[in-house]
C-alpha cells in the first residue's frame, strides 16, 4: 500500500468530514461503505494509522468510490 498523492486524491470524489469528539472510523466506514471493516481505507487515505492520531477538528476526506480509492492505494 502507498499513500495517495494530492493529484490522486483530487481524482476521486470525496466527502469532507470534520472529526469531532466521539467519532469512530468504523462508524464512518459503515455509513459510507456499508461495511465497518473498511475503516482503514479512510484512515490511510488521510495519512493516519489509527483514529487515536486524529485530533478534534481535523478534516478527513472520505472517498465515495471505495474501488477507485483501493486502486490508488494499490490494494
N, C-alpha and C. Protein backbone atom coordinates (compact mmCIF):
# COMPACT_ATOMS: atom_id res chain seq x y z
N UNK A 1 0.84 -1.18 0.00
CA UNK A 1 0.00 0.00 0.00
C UNK A 1 0.88 1.23 0.00
N UNK A 2 0.33 2.31 -0.55
CA UNK A 2 1.04 3.57 -0.58
C UNK A 2 0.09 4.69 -0.20
N UNK A 3 0.65 5.80 0.21
CA UNK A 3 -0.16 6.97 0.48
C UNK A 3 -0.50 7.65 -0.84
N UNK A 4 -1.73 8.10 -1.01
CA UNK A 4 -2.11 8.76 -2.26
C UNK A 4 -1.48 10.15 -2.37
N UNK A 5 -1.14 10.54 -3.59
CA UNK A 5 -0.62 11.88 -3.82
C UNK A 5 -1.79 12.86 -3.82
N UNK A 6 -1.47 14.14 -3.82
CA UNK A 6 -2.51 15.17 -3.88
C UNK A 6 -3.32 15.01 -5.16
N UNK A 7 -2.63 14.78 -6.29
CA UNK A 7 -3.32 14.61 -7.57
C UNK A 7 -4.23 13.39 -7.56
N UNK A 8 -3.76 12.30 -6.96
CA UNK A 8 -4.59 11.09 -6.88
C UNK A 8 -5.83 11.33 -6.02
N UNK A 9 -5.65 12.03 -4.93
CA UNK A 9 -6.80 12.34 -4.07
C UNK A 9 -7.81 13.22 -4.80
N UNK A 10 -7.30 14.16 -5.58
CA UNK A 10 -8.18 15.07 -6.32
C UNK A 10 -8.96 14.35 -7.42
N UNK A 11 -8.44 13.20 -7.86
CA UNK A 11 -9.10 12.48 -8.95
C UNK A 11 -10.28 11.63 -8.48
N UNK A 12 -10.48 11.54 -7.18
CA UNK A 12 -11.55 10.72 -6.61
C UNK A 12 -12.52 11.64 -5.86
N UNK A 13 -13.80 11.49 -6.13
CA UNK A 13 -14.81 12.27 -5.43
C UNK A 13 -14.84 11.84 -3.97
N UNK A 14 -14.81 12.83 -3.08
CA UNK A 14 -14.77 12.54 -1.65
C UNK A 14 -15.65 13.52 -0.89
N UNK A 15 -16.17 13.06 0.22
CA UNK A 15 -16.90 13.92 1.15
C UNK A 15 -15.93 14.41 2.21
N UNK A 16 -16.14 15.63 2.66
CA UNK A 16 -15.34 16.20 3.73
C UNK A 16 -16.05 15.95 5.05
N UNK A 17 -15.30 15.52 6.03
CA UNK A 17 -15.85 15.26 7.36
C UNK A 17 -14.94 15.93 8.39
N UNK A 18 -15.52 16.72 9.26
CA UNK A 18 -14.75 17.34 10.34
C UNK A 18 -14.84 16.43 11.56
N UNK A 19 -13.69 15.94 12.00
CA UNK A 19 -13.61 14.99 13.10
C UNK A 19 -14.03 15.66 14.40
N UNK A 20 -14.95 15.02 15.10
CA UNK A 20 -15.41 15.56 16.37
C UNK A 20 -15.29 14.50 17.46
N UNK A 21 -15.37 14.96 18.69
CA UNK A 21 -15.28 14.05 19.83
C UNK A 21 -16.33 12.95 19.68
N UNK A 22 -15.91 11.71 19.84
CA UNK A 22 -16.82 10.57 19.77
C UNK A 22 -16.87 9.91 18.40
N UNK A 23 -16.28 10.56 17.37
CA UNK A 23 -16.27 9.93 16.05
C UNK A 23 -15.44 8.67 16.07
N UNK A 24 -15.79 7.73 15.22
CA UNK A 24 -15.06 6.48 15.05
C UNK A 24 -14.94 6.19 13.56
N UNK A 25 -13.77 5.74 13.15
CA UNK A 25 -13.55 5.42 11.75
C UNK A 25 -14.45 4.29 11.29
N UNK A 26 -14.67 3.30 12.14
CA UNK A 26 -15.52 2.18 11.74
C UNK A 26 -16.96 2.63 11.51
N UNK A 27 -17.42 3.64 12.25
CA UNK A 27 -18.77 4.16 12.02
C UNK A 27 -18.86 4.90 10.69
N UNK A 28 -17.82 5.67 10.37
CA UNK A 28 -17.80 6.36 9.08
C UNK A 28 -17.75 5.36 7.93
N UNK A 29 -16.95 4.31 8.08
CA UNK A 29 -16.87 3.29 7.04
C UNK A 29 -18.22 2.60 6.86
N UNK A 30 -18.89 2.32 7.94
CA UNK A 30 -20.21 1.70 7.85
C UNK A 30 -21.21 2.64 7.17
N UNK A 31 -21.14 3.91 7.50
CA UNK A 31 -22.04 4.90 6.92
C UNK A 31 -21.82 5.06 5.42
N UNK A 32 -20.56 5.14 4.99
CA UNK A 32 -20.25 5.41 3.59
C UNK A 32 -20.14 4.16 2.72
N UNK A 33 -19.69 3.06 3.30
CA UNK A 33 -19.43 1.85 2.51
C UNK A 33 -20.34 0.68 2.86
N UNK A 34 -21.10 0.83 3.96
CA UNK A 34 -21.96 -0.26 4.39
C UNK A 34 -21.20 -1.40 5.02
N UNK A 35 -19.93 -1.14 5.39
CA UNK A 35 -19.09 -2.19 5.99
C UNK A 35 -18.04 -1.53 6.87
N UNK A 36 -18.14 -1.73 8.16
CA UNK A 36 -17.22 -1.10 9.11
C UNK A 36 -15.79 -1.57 8.97
N UNK A 37 -15.59 -2.72 8.31
CA UNK A 37 -14.23 -3.26 8.16
C UNK A 37 -13.34 -2.40 7.27
N UNK A 38 -13.93 -1.46 6.53
CA UNK A 38 -13.13 -0.60 5.65
C UNK A 38 -12.70 0.71 6.31
N UNK A 39 -12.69 0.73 7.65
CA UNK A 39 -12.25 1.92 8.37
C UNK A 39 -10.83 2.32 7.97
N UNK A 40 -10.00 1.33 7.66
CA UNK A 40 -8.60 1.58 7.34
C UNK A 40 -8.44 2.34 6.02
N UNK A 41 -9.40 2.23 5.10
CA UNK A 41 -9.33 2.98 3.84
C UNK A 41 -9.40 4.47 4.15
N UNK A 42 -10.31 4.87 5.01
CA UNK A 42 -10.45 6.27 5.40
C UNK A 42 -9.20 6.73 6.14
N UNK A 43 -8.71 5.91 7.05
CA UNK A 43 -7.50 6.27 7.81
C UNK A 43 -6.31 6.45 6.87
N UNK A 44 -6.06 5.48 6.01
CA UNK A 44 -4.90 5.52 5.12
C UNK A 44 -5.02 6.65 4.11
N UNK A 45 -6.22 6.86 3.59
CA UNK A 45 -6.46 7.92 2.61
C UNK A 45 -6.05 9.28 3.17
N UNK A 46 -6.25 9.44 4.48
CA UNK A 46 -5.95 10.71 5.14
C UNK A 46 -4.60 10.73 5.86
N UNK A 47 -3.84 9.65 5.72
CA UNK A 47 -2.50 9.61 6.29
C UNK A 47 -2.43 9.26 7.76
N UNK A 48 -3.45 8.62 8.28
CA UNK A 48 -3.47 8.22 9.69
C UNK A 48 -3.34 6.71 9.81
N UNK A 49 -2.66 6.28 10.87
CA UNK A 49 -2.57 4.85 11.14
C UNK A 49 -3.77 4.34 11.92
N UNK A 50 -4.19 5.16 12.88
CA UNK A 50 -5.34 4.82 13.72
C UNK A 50 -6.10 6.10 14.04
N UNK A 51 -7.30 5.94 14.56
CA UNK A 51 -8.08 7.12 14.92
C UNK A 51 -7.53 7.86 16.13
N UNK A 52 -6.68 7.20 16.90
CA UNK A 52 -6.06 7.86 18.06
C UNK A 52 -5.17 9.02 17.62
N UNK A 53 -4.73 9.01 16.38
CA UNK A 53 -3.86 10.07 15.85
C UNK A 53 -4.65 11.28 15.35
N UNK A 54 -5.96 11.14 15.22
CA UNK A 54 -6.78 12.21 14.64
C UNK A 54 -7.21 13.18 15.74
N UNK A 55 -6.92 14.42 15.54
CA UNK A 55 -7.28 15.46 16.52
C UNK A 55 -8.67 16.01 16.22
N UNK A 56 -9.39 16.39 17.25
CA UNK A 56 -10.68 17.03 17.09
C UNK A 56 -10.53 18.25 16.20
N UNK A 57 -11.42 18.37 15.22
CA UNK A 57 -11.37 19.49 14.28
C UNK A 57 -10.62 19.19 13.00
N UNK A 58 -9.94 18.03 12.95
CA UNK A 58 -9.22 17.65 11.73
C UNK A 58 -10.22 17.38 10.61
N UNK A 59 -9.82 17.72 9.39
CA UNK A 59 -10.66 17.47 8.24
C UNK A 59 -10.24 16.17 7.59
N UNK A 60 -11.20 15.26 7.46
CA UNK A 60 -10.97 13.98 6.78
C UNK A 60 -11.70 14.01 5.45
N UNK A 61 -11.08 13.41 4.46
CA UNK A 61 -11.73 13.25 3.17
C UNK A 61 -12.06 11.78 3.00
N UNK A 62 -13.32 11.51 2.73
CA UNK A 62 -13.78 10.13 2.62
C UNK A 62 -14.10 9.85 1.16
N UNK A 63 -13.26 9.01 0.52
CA UNK A 63 -13.51 8.70 -0.89
C UNK A 63 -14.85 7.97 -1.03
N UNK A 64 -15.67 8.45 -1.96
CA UNK A 64 -17.00 7.86 -2.09
C UNK A 64 -17.00 6.55 -2.85
N UNK A 65 -16.09 6.39 -3.78
CA UNK A 65 -16.00 5.13 -4.52
C UNK A 65 -14.83 4.33 -3.96
N UNK A 66 -15.14 3.35 -3.14
CA UNK A 66 -14.10 2.60 -2.46
C UNK A 66 -13.22 1.82 -3.44
N UNK A 67 -13.77 1.39 -4.55
CA UNK A 67 -12.98 0.66 -5.54
C UNK A 67 -11.89 1.54 -6.13
N UNK A 68 -12.26 2.79 -6.47
CA UNK A 68 -11.27 3.73 -7.00
C UNK A 68 -10.19 4.02 -5.96
N UNK A 69 -10.60 4.21 -4.73
CA UNK A 69 -9.66 4.51 -3.65
C UNK A 69 -8.68 3.34 -3.46
N UNK A 70 -9.19 2.12 -3.49
CA UNK A 70 -8.33 0.95 -3.27
C UNK A 70 -7.35 0.76 -4.43
N UNK A 71 -7.74 1.11 -5.64
CA UNK A 71 -6.81 1.06 -6.77
C UNK A 71 -5.66 2.02 -6.55
N UNK A 72 -5.97 3.23 -6.11
CA UNK A 72 -4.95 4.24 -5.86
C UNK A 72 -4.04 3.81 -4.70
N UNK A 73 -4.63 3.23 -3.68
CA UNK A 73 -3.85 2.76 -2.53
C UNK A 73 -3.05 1.50 -2.86
N UNK A 74 -3.29 0.94 -4.05
CA UNK A 74 -2.62 -0.27 -4.54
C UNK A 74 -2.91 -1.49 -3.66
N UNK A 75 -4.17 -1.63 -3.32
CA UNK A 75 -4.61 -2.76 -2.51
C UNK A 75 -5.14 -3.84 -3.43
